[in-house]
Amino acid sequence: MGKQAGGGKAGGKGTPATVAATKAGIAFTLHSYEPDPAAESYGEAAADALGVPHDRIFKTLLAEVDGRLTVGVVPVSGTLDLKALAAAAGGKKAAMAQPRDAERATGYVVGGISPLGQRRRLPTVIDDSVSALATVYVSAGRRGLQIELVPADLVALTGAALAPIARG
């Protein structure tokens, strides 16, 4: 694992995610890689490119819970359990959000959506398996860039709830 470094920026210009982490004063490490445009799973491609186990890289997914956009963050090794997300968010029914709605709400493009520094703060639920990790990787706000940080900092920065929302 790389050394923890606070306030690192990629290529001199930070993303909203790295700016949010820097502003919060948390320690993080950026990891860049060449994204595969043909990849079926951006998260798995990132894990493979970085040589990181699939259960340490978490993907950021948007769903509508009772019509309200909600963020679910789960390991790339699994899938989002929509029923569990709905329950954790205090709703009854969840469905995946349309990609354009996810992009508009977060300010990021699909494949690079970060749970950090989103355009507007949305209710967020992170799979509770994150608690067992020393550090976790999530998108830093663009394809080809991951931010590694301590799970407690990810939870604090997103205002997330922890719940078992991943399957597989």
N, C-alpha and C. Protein backbone atom coordinates (compact mmCIF):
# COMPACT_ATOMS: atom_id res chain seq x y z
N MET A 1 0.84 -1.19 0.00
CA MET A 1 0.00 0.00 0.00
C MET A 1 0.87 1.23 0.00
N GLY A 2 0.41 2.26 -0.67
CA GLY A 2 1.14 3.53 -0.72
C GLY A 2 1.06 4.26 0.60
N LYS A 3 1.97 5.16 0.79
CA LYS A 3 2.02 5.96 2.00
C LYS A 3 0.85 6.93 2.04
N GLN A 4 0.25 7.11 3.20
CA GLN A 4 -0.83 8.07 3.33
C GLN A 4 -0.26 9.47 3.15
N ALA A 5 -0.92 10.25 2.33
CA ALA A 5 -0.48 11.62 2.09
C ALA A 5 -1.70 12.52 2.07
N GLY A 6 -1.68 13.53 2.87
CA GLY A 6 -2.81 14.45 2.89
C GLY A 6 -2.71 15.46 1.78
N GLY A 7 -3.84 15.77 1.17
CA GLY A 7 -3.91 16.86 0.22
C GLY A 7 -3.25 16.62 -1.12
N GLY A 8 -2.99 15.37 -1.49
CA GLY A 8 -2.40 15.12 -2.80
C GLY A 8 -3.34 15.52 -3.90
N LYS A 9 -2.77 16.00 -5.00
CA LYS A 9 -3.60 16.37 -6.15
C LYS A 9 -3.06 15.73 -7.39
N ALA A 10 -3.96 15.33 -8.27
CA ALA A 10 -3.55 14.68 -9.51
C ALA A 10 -3.33 15.72 -10.58
N GLY A 11 -2.16 15.70 -11.17
CA GLY A 11 -1.88 16.59 -12.29
C GLY A 11 -2.03 18.05 -11.95
N GLY A 12 -1.93 18.42 -10.66
CA GLY A 12 -1.98 19.82 -10.28
C GLY A 12 -3.39 20.33 -10.04
N LYS A 13 -4.40 19.76 -10.68
CA LYS A 13 -5.76 20.23 -10.51
C LYS A 13 -6.57 19.15 -9.83
N GLY A 14 -7.14 19.48 -8.70
CA GLY A 14 -7.92 18.50 -7.96
C GLY A 14 -9.32 18.33 -8.53
N THR A 15 -9.93 17.22 -8.19
CA THR A 15 -11.34 16.98 -8.51
C THR A 15 -12.16 17.47 -7.32
N PRO A 16 -13.47 17.62 -7.47
CA PRO A 16 -14.28 17.99 -6.29
C PRO A 16 -14.07 17.03 -5.12
N ALA A 17 -13.82 15.75 -5.42
CA ALA A 17 -13.59 14.76 -4.36
C ALA A 17 -12.30 15.04 -3.61
N THR A 18 -11.21 15.32 -4.33
CA THR A 18 -9.93 15.58 -3.66
C THR A 18 -9.96 16.92 -2.95
N VAL A 19 -10.68 17.89 -3.52
CA VAL A 19 -10.82 19.19 -2.87
C VAL A 19 -11.57 19.03 -1.55
N ALA A 20 -12.65 18.23 -1.56
CA ALA A 20 -13.44 18.00 -0.33
C ALA A 20 -12.59 17.32 0.73
N ALA A 21 -11.79 16.32 0.33
CA ALA A 21 -10.94 15.60 1.29
C ALA A 21 -9.86 16.53 1.85
N THR A 22 -9.28 17.35 0.98
CA THR A 22 -8.24 18.28 1.41
C THR A 22 -8.81 19.31 2.38
N LYS A 23 -9.99 19.86 2.03
CA LYS A 23 -10.64 20.86 2.89
C LYS A 23 -10.95 20.29 4.26
N ALA A 24 -11.32 19.01 4.30
CA ALA A 24 -11.67 18.35 5.56
C ALA A 24 -10.43 17.99 6.37
N GLY A 25 -9.26 18.11 5.75
CA GLY A 25 -8.01 17.83 6.46
C GLY A 25 -7.75 16.35 6.69
N ILE A 26 -8.33 15.49 5.86
CA ILE A 26 -8.11 14.06 6.06
C ILE A 26 -6.92 13.57 5.23
N ALA A 27 -6.32 12.50 5.69
CA ALA A 27 -5.20 11.89 4.98
C ALA A 27 -5.75 10.99 3.88
N PHE A 28 -5.14 11.08 2.70
CA PHE A 28 -5.55 10.20 1.61
C PHE A 28 -4.38 10.03 0.65
N THR A 29 -4.50 8.99 -0.18
CA THR A 29 -3.51 8.73 -1.22
C THR A 29 -4.26 8.59 -2.53
N LEU A 30 -3.76 9.23 -3.56
CA LEU A 30 -4.35 9.10 -4.89
C LEU A 30 -3.62 8.01 -5.66
N HIS A 31 -4.38 7.25 -6.42
CA HIS A 31 -3.82 6.19 -7.26
C HIS A 31 -4.39 6.37 -8.66
N SER A 32 -3.52 6.62 -9.64
CA SER A 32 -4.01 6.76 -11.00
C SER A 32 -3.65 5.53 -11.81
N TYR A 33 -4.43 5.29 -12.84
CA TYR A 33 -4.23 4.15 -13.72
C TYR A 33 -4.84 4.52 -15.07
N GLU A 34 -4.51 3.76 -16.08
CA GLU A 34 -5.07 3.98 -17.41
C GLU A 34 -6.41 3.26 -17.49
N PRO A 35 -7.52 4.01 -17.58
CA PRO A 35 -8.82 3.35 -17.62
C PRO A 35 -9.02 2.59 -18.94
N ASP A 36 -9.73 1.48 -18.86
CA ASP A 36 -10.02 0.66 -20.03
C ASP A 36 -11.40 1.05 -20.54
N PRO A 37 -11.47 1.74 -21.71
CA PRO A 37 -12.77 2.19 -22.21
C PRO A 37 -13.72 1.04 -22.56
N ALA A 38 -13.20 -0.16 -22.75
CA ALA A 38 -14.04 -1.31 -23.09
C ALA A 38 -14.48 -2.10 -21.87
N ALA A 39 -14.05 -1.69 -20.68
CA ALA A 39 -14.36 -2.44 -19.46
C ALA A 39 -15.86 -2.47 -19.21
N GLU A 40 -16.35 -3.64 -18.81
CA GLU A 40 -17.77 -3.77 -18.45
C GLU A 40 -18.01 -3.26 -17.04
N SER A 41 -17.01 -3.41 -16.17
CA SER A 41 -17.11 -2.93 -14.79
C SER A 41 -15.94 -2.00 -14.52
N TYR A 42 -16.24 -0.71 -14.36
CA TYR A 42 -15.18 0.27 -14.10
C TYR A 42 -14.44 -0.07 -12.81
N GLY A 43 -15.17 -0.48 -11.79
CA GLY A 43 -14.56 -0.78 -10.50
C GLY A 43 -13.62 -1.97 -10.56
N GLU A 44 -14.06 -3.06 -11.20
CA GLU A 44 -13.19 -4.24 -11.32
C GLU A 44 -11.97 -3.91 -12.16
N ALA A 45 -12.15 -3.11 -13.22
CA ALA A 45 -11.01 -2.71 -14.06
C ALA A 45 -10.02 -1.89 -13.25
N ALA A 46 -10.53 -1.03 -12.38
CA ALA A 46 -9.66 -0.22 -11.52
C ALA A 46 -8.88 -1.12 -10.56
N ALA A 47 -9.58 -2.06 -9.95
CA ALA A 47 -8.93 -2.98 -9.01
C ALA A 47 -7.83 -3.77 -9.71
N ASP A 48 -8.14 -4.28 -10.89
CA ASP A 48 -7.15 -5.07 -11.64
C ASP A 48 -5.96 -4.21 -12.05
N ALA A 49 -6.22 -2.99 -12.52
CA ALA A 49 -5.14 -2.10 -12.96
C ALA A 49 -4.23 -1.71 -11.80
N LEU A 50 -4.81 -1.57 -10.61
CA LEU A 50 -4.03 -1.16 -9.44
C LEU A 50 -3.50 -2.34 -8.64
N GLY A 51 -3.92 -3.57 -8.98
CA GLY A 51 -3.48 -4.75 -8.25
C GLY A 51 -4.04 -4.79 -6.84
N VAL A 52 -5.26 -4.32 -6.69
CA VAL A 52 -5.92 -4.25 -5.37
C VAL A 52 -7.05 -5.27 -5.34
N PRO A 53 -7.22 -6.00 -4.23
CA PRO A 53 -8.34 -6.95 -4.14
C PRO A 53 -9.68 -6.25 -4.38
N HIS A 54 -10.58 -6.95 -5.06
CA HIS A 54 -11.88 -6.37 -5.44
C HIS A 54 -12.72 -5.95 -4.23
N ASP A 55 -12.48 -6.53 -3.06
CA ASP A 55 -13.28 -6.14 -1.90
C ASP A 55 -12.76 -4.89 -1.20
N ARG A 56 -11.65 -4.31 -1.71
CA ARG A 56 -11.12 -3.07 -1.12
C ARG A 56 -11.47 -1.84 -1.94
N ILE A 57 -11.95 -2.05 -3.18
CA ILE A 57 -12.38 -0.92 -3.99
C ILE A 57 -13.90 -0.92 -3.99
N PHE A 58 -14.48 0.22 -3.63
CA PHE A 58 -15.92 0.34 -3.54
C PHE A 58 -16.44 1.21 -4.67
N LYS A 59 -17.56 0.78 -5.25
CA LYS A 59 -18.18 1.55 -6.33
C LYS A 59 -19.32 2.38 -5.77
N THR A 60 -19.55 3.51 -6.41
CA THR A 60 -20.59 4.44 -6.00
C THR A 60 -21.74 4.33 -6.98
N LEU A 61 -22.89 3.92 -6.48
CA LEU A 61 -24.07 3.72 -7.33
C LEU A 61 -25.21 4.61 -6.83
N LEU A 62 -26.01 5.08 -7.76
CA LEU A 62 -27.16 5.90 -7.38
C LEU A 62 -28.45 5.16 -7.68
N ALA A 63 -29.34 5.21 -6.71
CA ALA A 63 -30.65 4.59 -6.85
C ALA A 63 -31.70 5.61 -6.42
N GLU A 64 -32.92 5.35 -6.83
CA GLU A 64 -34.04 6.15 -6.34
C GLU A 64 -34.75 5.32 -5.28
N VAL A 65 -34.77 5.85 -4.07
CA VAL A 65 -35.49 5.20 -2.97
C VAL A 65 -36.76 6.00 -2.74
N ASP A 66 -37.89 5.39 -3.04
CA ASP A 66 -39.18 6.07 -2.96
C ASP A 66 -39.14 7.41 -3.71
N GLY A 67 -38.45 7.40 -4.86
CA GLY A 67 -38.38 8.59 -5.72
C GLY A 67 -37.28 9.57 -5.38
N ARG A 68 -36.52 9.31 -4.32
CA ARG A 68 -35.46 10.24 -3.89
C ARG A 68 -34.10 9.63 -4.20
N LEU A 69 -33.24 10.39 -4.88
CA LEU A 69 -31.90 9.88 -5.19
C LEU A 69 -31.13 9.57 -3.91
N THR A 70 -30.52 8.40 -3.90
CA THR A 70 -29.77 7.92 -2.75
C THR A 70 -28.51 7.24 -3.26
N VAL A 71 -27.41 7.43 -2.55
CA VAL A 71 -26.13 6.86 -2.94
C VAL A 71 -25.90 5.56 -2.16
N GLY A 72 -25.51 4.51 -2.90
CA GLY A 72 -25.11 3.25 -2.28
C GLY A 72 -23.66 2.99 -2.65
N VAL A 73 -22.84 2.68 -1.67
CA VAL A 73 -21.41 2.44 -1.90
C VAL A 73 -21.11 1.01 -1.45
N VAL A 74 -20.72 0.17 -2.43
CA VAL A 74 -20.51 -1.25 -2.17
C VAL A 74 -19.21 -1.72 -2.81
N PRO A 75 -18.65 -2.84 -2.31
CA PRO A 75 -17.42 -3.38 -2.91
C PRO A 75 -17.67 -3.76 -4.38
N VAL A 76 -16.65 -3.57 -5.22
CA VAL A 76 -16.82 -3.95 -6.63
C VAL A 76 -16.96 -5.46 -6.77
N SER A 77 -16.61 -6.21 -5.73
CA SER A 77 -16.75 -7.67 -5.77
C SER A 77 -18.20 -8.11 -5.61
N GLY A 78 -19.08 -7.19 -5.28
CA GLY A 78 -20.48 -7.54 -5.06
C GLY A 78 -21.42 -6.66 -5.86
N THR A 79 -22.70 -6.80 -5.56
CA THR A 79 -23.72 -5.97 -6.19
C THR A 79 -24.54 -5.28 -5.12
N LEU A 80 -25.19 -4.21 -5.52
CA LEU A 80 -26.03 -3.45 -4.60
C LEU A 80 -27.37 -4.18 -4.42
N ASP A 81 -27.73 -4.45 -3.17
CA ASP A 81 -29.01 -5.06 -2.83
C ASP A 81 -30.00 -3.91 -2.67
N LEU A 82 -30.86 -3.72 -3.67
CA LEU A 82 -31.77 -2.57 -3.67
C LEU A 82 -32.76 -2.60 -2.50
N LYS A 83 -33.24 -3.79 -2.13
CA LYS A 83 -34.16 -3.89 -0.99
C LYS A 83 -33.46 -3.45 0.30
N ALA A 84 -32.23 -3.90 0.47
CA ALA A 84 -31.47 -3.53 1.67
C ALA A 84 -31.17 -2.02 1.69
N LEU A 85 -30.87 -1.46 0.52
CA LEU A 85 -30.62 -0.01 0.44
C LEU A 85 -31.89 0.75 0.82
N ALA A 86 -33.01 0.34 0.28
CA ALA A 86 -34.27 1.01 0.60
C ALA A 86 -34.52 0.98 2.10
N ALA A 87 -34.36 -0.19 2.71
CA ALA A 87 -34.58 -0.32 4.15
C ALA A 87 -33.61 0.56 4.94
N ALA A 88 -32.33 0.57 4.54
CA ALA A 88 -31.33 1.36 5.26
C ALA A 88 -31.59 2.86 5.12
N ALA A 89 -32.21 3.25 4.00
CA ALA A 89 -32.50 4.66 3.76
C ALA A 89 -33.88 5.06 4.27
N GLY A 90 -34.56 4.13 4.94
CA GLY A 90 -35.87 4.43 5.51
C GLY A 90 -37.00 4.44 4.49
N GLY A 91 -36.78 3.74 3.37
CA GLY A 91 -37.81 3.70 2.33
C GLY A 91 -38.35 2.31 2.13
N LYS A 92 -39.23 2.19 1.15
CA LYS A 92 -39.85 0.91 0.86
C LYS A 92 -39.34 0.30 -0.44
N LYS A 93 -39.10 1.13 -1.46
CA LYS A 93 -38.78 0.61 -2.78
C LYS A 93 -37.60 1.37 -3.38
N ALA A 94 -36.69 0.62 -4.01
CA ALA A 94 -35.54 1.26 -4.66
C ALA A 94 -35.36 0.70 -6.06
N ALA A 95 -34.90 1.56 -6.95
CA ALA A 95 -34.57 1.17 -8.33
C ALA A 95 -33.34 1.97 -8.73
N MET A 96 -32.52 1.40 -9.59
CA MET A 96 -31.33 2.11 -10.04
C MET A 96 -31.74 3.41 -10.74
N ALA A 97 -30.97 4.46 -10.50
CA ALA A 97 -31.23 5.76 -11.13
C ALA A 97 -30.76 5.72 -12.59
N GLN A 98 -31.35 6.56 -13.40
CA GLN A 98 -30.89 6.71 -14.78
C GLN A 98 -29.50 7.35 -14.75
N PRO A 99 -28.58 6.89 -15.62
CA PRO A 99 -27.23 7.46 -15.63
C PRO A 99 -27.21 8.99 -15.74
N ARG A 100 -28.06 9.56 -16.58
CA ARG A 100 -28.04 11.02 -16.74
C ARG A 100 -28.48 11.72 -15.45
N ASP A 101 -29.42 11.11 -14.71
CA ASP A 101 -29.85 11.69 -13.43
C ASP A 101 -28.71 11.62 -12.41
N ALA A 102 -27.99 10.49 -12.41
CA ALA A 102 -26.85 10.33 -11.50
C ALA A 102 -25.77 11.37 -11.82
N GLU A 103 -25.49 11.56 -13.10
CA GLU A 103 -24.46 12.53 -13.49
C GLU A 103 -24.88 13.95 -13.14
N ARG A 104 -26.12 14.28 -13.40
CA ARG A 104 -26.62 15.63 -13.12
C ARG A 104 -26.58 15.92 -11.62
N ALA A 105 -26.98 14.96 -10.80
CA ALA A 105 -27.04 15.18 -9.35
C ALA A 105 -25.66 15.24 -8.71
N THR A 106 -24.71 14.44 -9.22
CA THR A 106 -23.40 14.36 -8.57
C THR A 106 -22.36 15.29 -9.18
N GLY A 107 -22.52 15.62 -10.45
CA GLY A 107 -21.50 16.42 -11.14
C GLY A 107 -20.38 15.57 -11.70
N TYR A 108 -20.51 14.26 -11.63
CA TYR A 108 -19.50 13.34 -12.13
C TYR A 108 -20.08 12.51 -13.29
N VAL A 109 -19.17 11.92 -14.10
CA VAL A 109 -19.63 11.02 -15.17
C VAL A 109 -19.65 9.59 -14.65
N VAL A 110 -20.57 8.79 -15.19
CA VAL A 110 -20.66 7.38 -14.83
C VAL A 110 -19.29 6.74 -15.05
N GLY A 111 -18.87 5.93 -14.09
CA GLY A 111 -17.55 5.32 -14.15
C GLY A 111 -16.53 6.14 -13.36
N GLY A 112 -16.91 7.35 -12.99
CA GLY A 112 -16.04 8.22 -12.21
C GLY A 112 -16.79 8.91 -11.09
N ILE A 113 -17.98 8.40 -10.76
CA ILE A 113 -18.77 9.02 -9.69
C ILE A 113 -18.13 8.71 -8.35
N SER A 114 -17.82 9.76 -7.63
CA SER A 114 -17.23 9.61 -6.29
C SER A 114 -18.31 9.88 -5.25
N PRO A 115 -18.21 9.21 -4.10
CA PRO A 115 -19.13 9.54 -3.02
C PRO A 115 -18.75 10.88 -2.35
N LEU A 116 -17.55 11.37 -2.66
CA LEU A 116 -17.04 12.61 -2.07
C LEU A 116 -17.23 13.78 -3.01
N GLY A 117 -17.53 14.96 -2.47
CA GLY A 117 -17.55 16.19 -3.26
C GLY A 117 -18.63 16.24 -4.32
N GLN A 118 -19.75 15.59 -4.07
CA GLN A 118 -20.84 15.62 -5.05
C GLN A 118 -21.47 17.01 -5.10
N ARG A 119 -22.05 17.31 -6.24
CA ARG A 119 -22.68 18.62 -6.47
C ARG A 119 -23.66 18.97 -5.36
N ARG A 120 -24.48 18.01 -4.98
CA ARG A 120 -25.35 18.23 -3.82
C ARG A 120 -25.30 16.98 -2.96
N ARG A 121 -25.37 17.19 -1.66
CA ARG A 121 -25.25 16.06 -0.73
C ARG A 121 -26.52 15.23 -0.77
N LEU A 122 -26.33 13.96 -1.07
CA LEU A 122 -27.44 13.03 -1.15
C LEU A 122 -27.35 12.04 0.02
N PRO A 123 -28.49 11.47 0.44
CA PRO A 123 -28.42 10.43 1.46
C PRO A 123 -27.49 9.32 0.96
N THR A 124 -26.60 8.87 1.83
CA THR A 124 -25.59 7.89 1.43
C THR A 124 -25.56 6.74 2.41
N VAL A 125 -25.48 5.52 1.86
CA VAL A 125 -25.35 4.31 2.67
C VAL A 125 -24.15 3.55 2.14
N ILE A 126 -23.22 3.21 3.03
CA ILE A 126 -22.02 2.45 2.66
C ILE A 126 -22.15 1.05 3.25
N ASP A 127 -21.80 0.05 2.44
CA ASP A 127 -21.87 -1.32 2.94
C ASP A 127 -21.01 -1.46 4.18
N ASP A 128 -21.54 -2.09 5.20
CA ASP A 128 -20.85 -2.18 6.49
C ASP A 128 -19.57 -3.02 6.45
N SER A 129 -19.31 -3.74 5.35
CA SER A 129 -18.05 -4.49 5.24
C SER A 129 -16.84 -3.55 5.22
N VAL A 130 -17.08 -2.29 4.94
CA VAL A 130 -15.99 -1.31 4.90
C VAL A 130 -15.30 -1.20 6.26
N SER A 131 -16.04 -1.46 7.33
CA SER A 131 -15.51 -1.33 8.69
C SER A 131 -14.36 -2.29 8.98
N ALA A 132 -14.29 -3.38 8.25
CA ALA A 132 -13.24 -4.38 8.48
C ALA A 132 -11.93 -4.02 7.77
N LEU A 133 -11.92 -2.96 6.98
CA LEU A 133 -10.74 -2.60 6.19
C LEU A 133 -9.92 -1.51 6.87
N ALA A 134 -8.60 -1.58 6.70
CA ALA A 134 -7.72 -0.52 7.21
C ALA A 134 -7.88 0.73 6.35
N THR A 135 -7.92 0.53 5.03
CA THR A 135 -8.19 1.63 4.09
C THR A 135 -9.10 1.10 2.99
N VAL A 136 -9.78 2.02 2.32
CA VAL A 136 -10.70 1.69 1.25
C VAL A 136 -10.41 2.62 0.07
N TYR A 137 -10.68 2.12 -1.13
CA TYR A 137 -10.52 2.92 -2.34
C TYR A 137 -11.91 3.25 -2.89
N VAL A 138 -12.11 4.50 -3.29
CA VAL A 138 -13.31 4.91 -4.02
C VAL A 138 -12.87 5.82 -5.15
N SER A 139 -13.75 6.05 -6.09
CA SER A 139 -13.41 6.94 -7.19
C SER A 139 -13.06 8.32 -6.64
N ALA A 140 -12.04 8.91 -7.24
CA ALA A 140 -11.64 10.27 -6.85
C ALA A 140 -12.31 11.31 -7.73
N GLY A 141 -13.27 10.87 -8.55
CA GLY A 141 -14.04 11.84 -9.31
C GLY A 141 -13.82 11.82 -10.81
N ARG A 142 -13.00 10.91 -11.27
CA ARG A 142 -12.87 10.71 -12.71
C ARG A 142 -12.35 9.32 -12.97
N ARG A 143 -12.64 8.81 -14.16
CA ARG A 143 -12.14 7.49 -14.52
C ARG A 143 -10.62 7.54 -14.53
N GLY A 144 -10.02 6.51 -13.98
CA GLY A 144 -8.57 6.46 -13.94
C GLY A 144 -7.95 7.05 -12.69
N LEU A 145 -8.77 7.40 -11.70
CA LEU A 145 -8.23 7.98 -10.47
C LEU A 145 -9.04 7.47 -9.27
N GLN A 146 -8.34 6.84 -8.34
CA GLN A 146 -8.96 6.34 -7.11
C GLN A 146 -8.33 7.07 -5.92
N ILE A 147 -9.13 7.28 -4.90
CA ILE A 147 -8.64 7.88 -3.66
C ILE A 147 -8.73 6.81 -2.57
N GLU A 148 -7.63 6.63 -1.86
CA GLU A 148 -7.56 5.66 -0.77
C GLU A 148 -7.59 6.42 0.54
N LEU A 149 -8.50 6.01 1.43
CA LEU A 149 -8.63 6.69 2.71
C LEU A 149 -9.14 5.72 3.76
N VAL A 150 -9.10 6.15 5.00
CA VAL A 150 -9.57 5.35 6.12
C VAL A 150 -11.11 5.33 6.06
N PRO A 151 -11.73 4.16 6.26
CA PRO A 151 -13.20 4.09 6.18
C PRO A 151 -13.93 5.11 7.05
N ALA A 152 -13.44 5.36 8.26
CA ALA A 152 -14.11 6.33 9.14
C ALA A 152 -14.14 7.72 8.52
N ASP A 153 -13.08 8.08 7.78
CA ASP A 153 -13.06 9.38 7.11
C ASP A 153 -14.06 9.41 5.96
N LEU A 154 -14.19 8.30 5.23
CA LEU A 154 -15.17 8.21 4.15
C LEU A 154 -16.58 8.39 4.72
N VAL A 155 -16.87 7.71 5.81
CA VAL A 155 -18.18 7.81 6.45
C VAL A 155 -18.44 9.24 6.92
N ALA A 156 -17.46 9.83 7.58
CA ALA A 156 -17.62 11.18 8.11
C ALA A 156 -17.82 12.20 6.98
N LEU A 157 -17.02 12.09 5.94
CA LEU A 157 -17.08 13.06 4.84
C LEU A 157 -18.39 12.99 4.06
N THR A 158 -18.98 11.81 3.99
CA THR A 158 -20.23 11.64 3.23
C THR A 158 -21.47 11.73 4.11
N GLY A 159 -21.27 11.68 5.42
CA GLY A 159 -22.41 11.66 6.34
C GLY A 159 -23.22 10.38 6.18
N ALA A 160 -22.53 9.32 5.80
CA ALA A 160 -23.20 8.06 5.45
C ALA A 160 -23.63 7.25 6.66
N ALA A 161 -24.61 6.40 6.40
CA ALA A 161 -25.01 5.35 7.33
C ALA A 161 -24.30 4.08 6.87
N LEU A 162 -24.02 3.18 7.79
CA LEU A 162 -23.44 1.87 7.46
C LEU A 162 -24.54 0.83 7.59
N ALA A 163 -24.64 -0.05 6.58
CA ALA A 163 -25.64 -1.11 6.61
C ALA A 163 -25.20 -2.22 5.63
N PRO A 164 -25.68 -3.43 5.84
CA PRO A 164 -25.34 -4.53 4.91
C PRO A 164 -26.15 -4.39 3.61
N ILE A 165 -25.62 -3.66 2.63
CA ILE A 165 -26.36 -3.39 1.40
C ILE A 165 -25.75 -4.08 0.18
N ALA A 166 -24.70 -4.89 0.37
CA ALA A 166 -24.06 -5.60 -0.75
C ALA A 166 -24.46 -7.06 -0.75
N ARG A 167 -24.52 -7.61 -1.95
CA ARG A 167 -24.76 -9.05 -2.15
C ARG A 167 -23.57 -9.61 -2.90
N GLY A 168 -23.32 -10.91 -2.65
CA GLY A 168 -22.32 -11.60 -3.46
C GLY A 168 -20.96 -11.38 -2.98
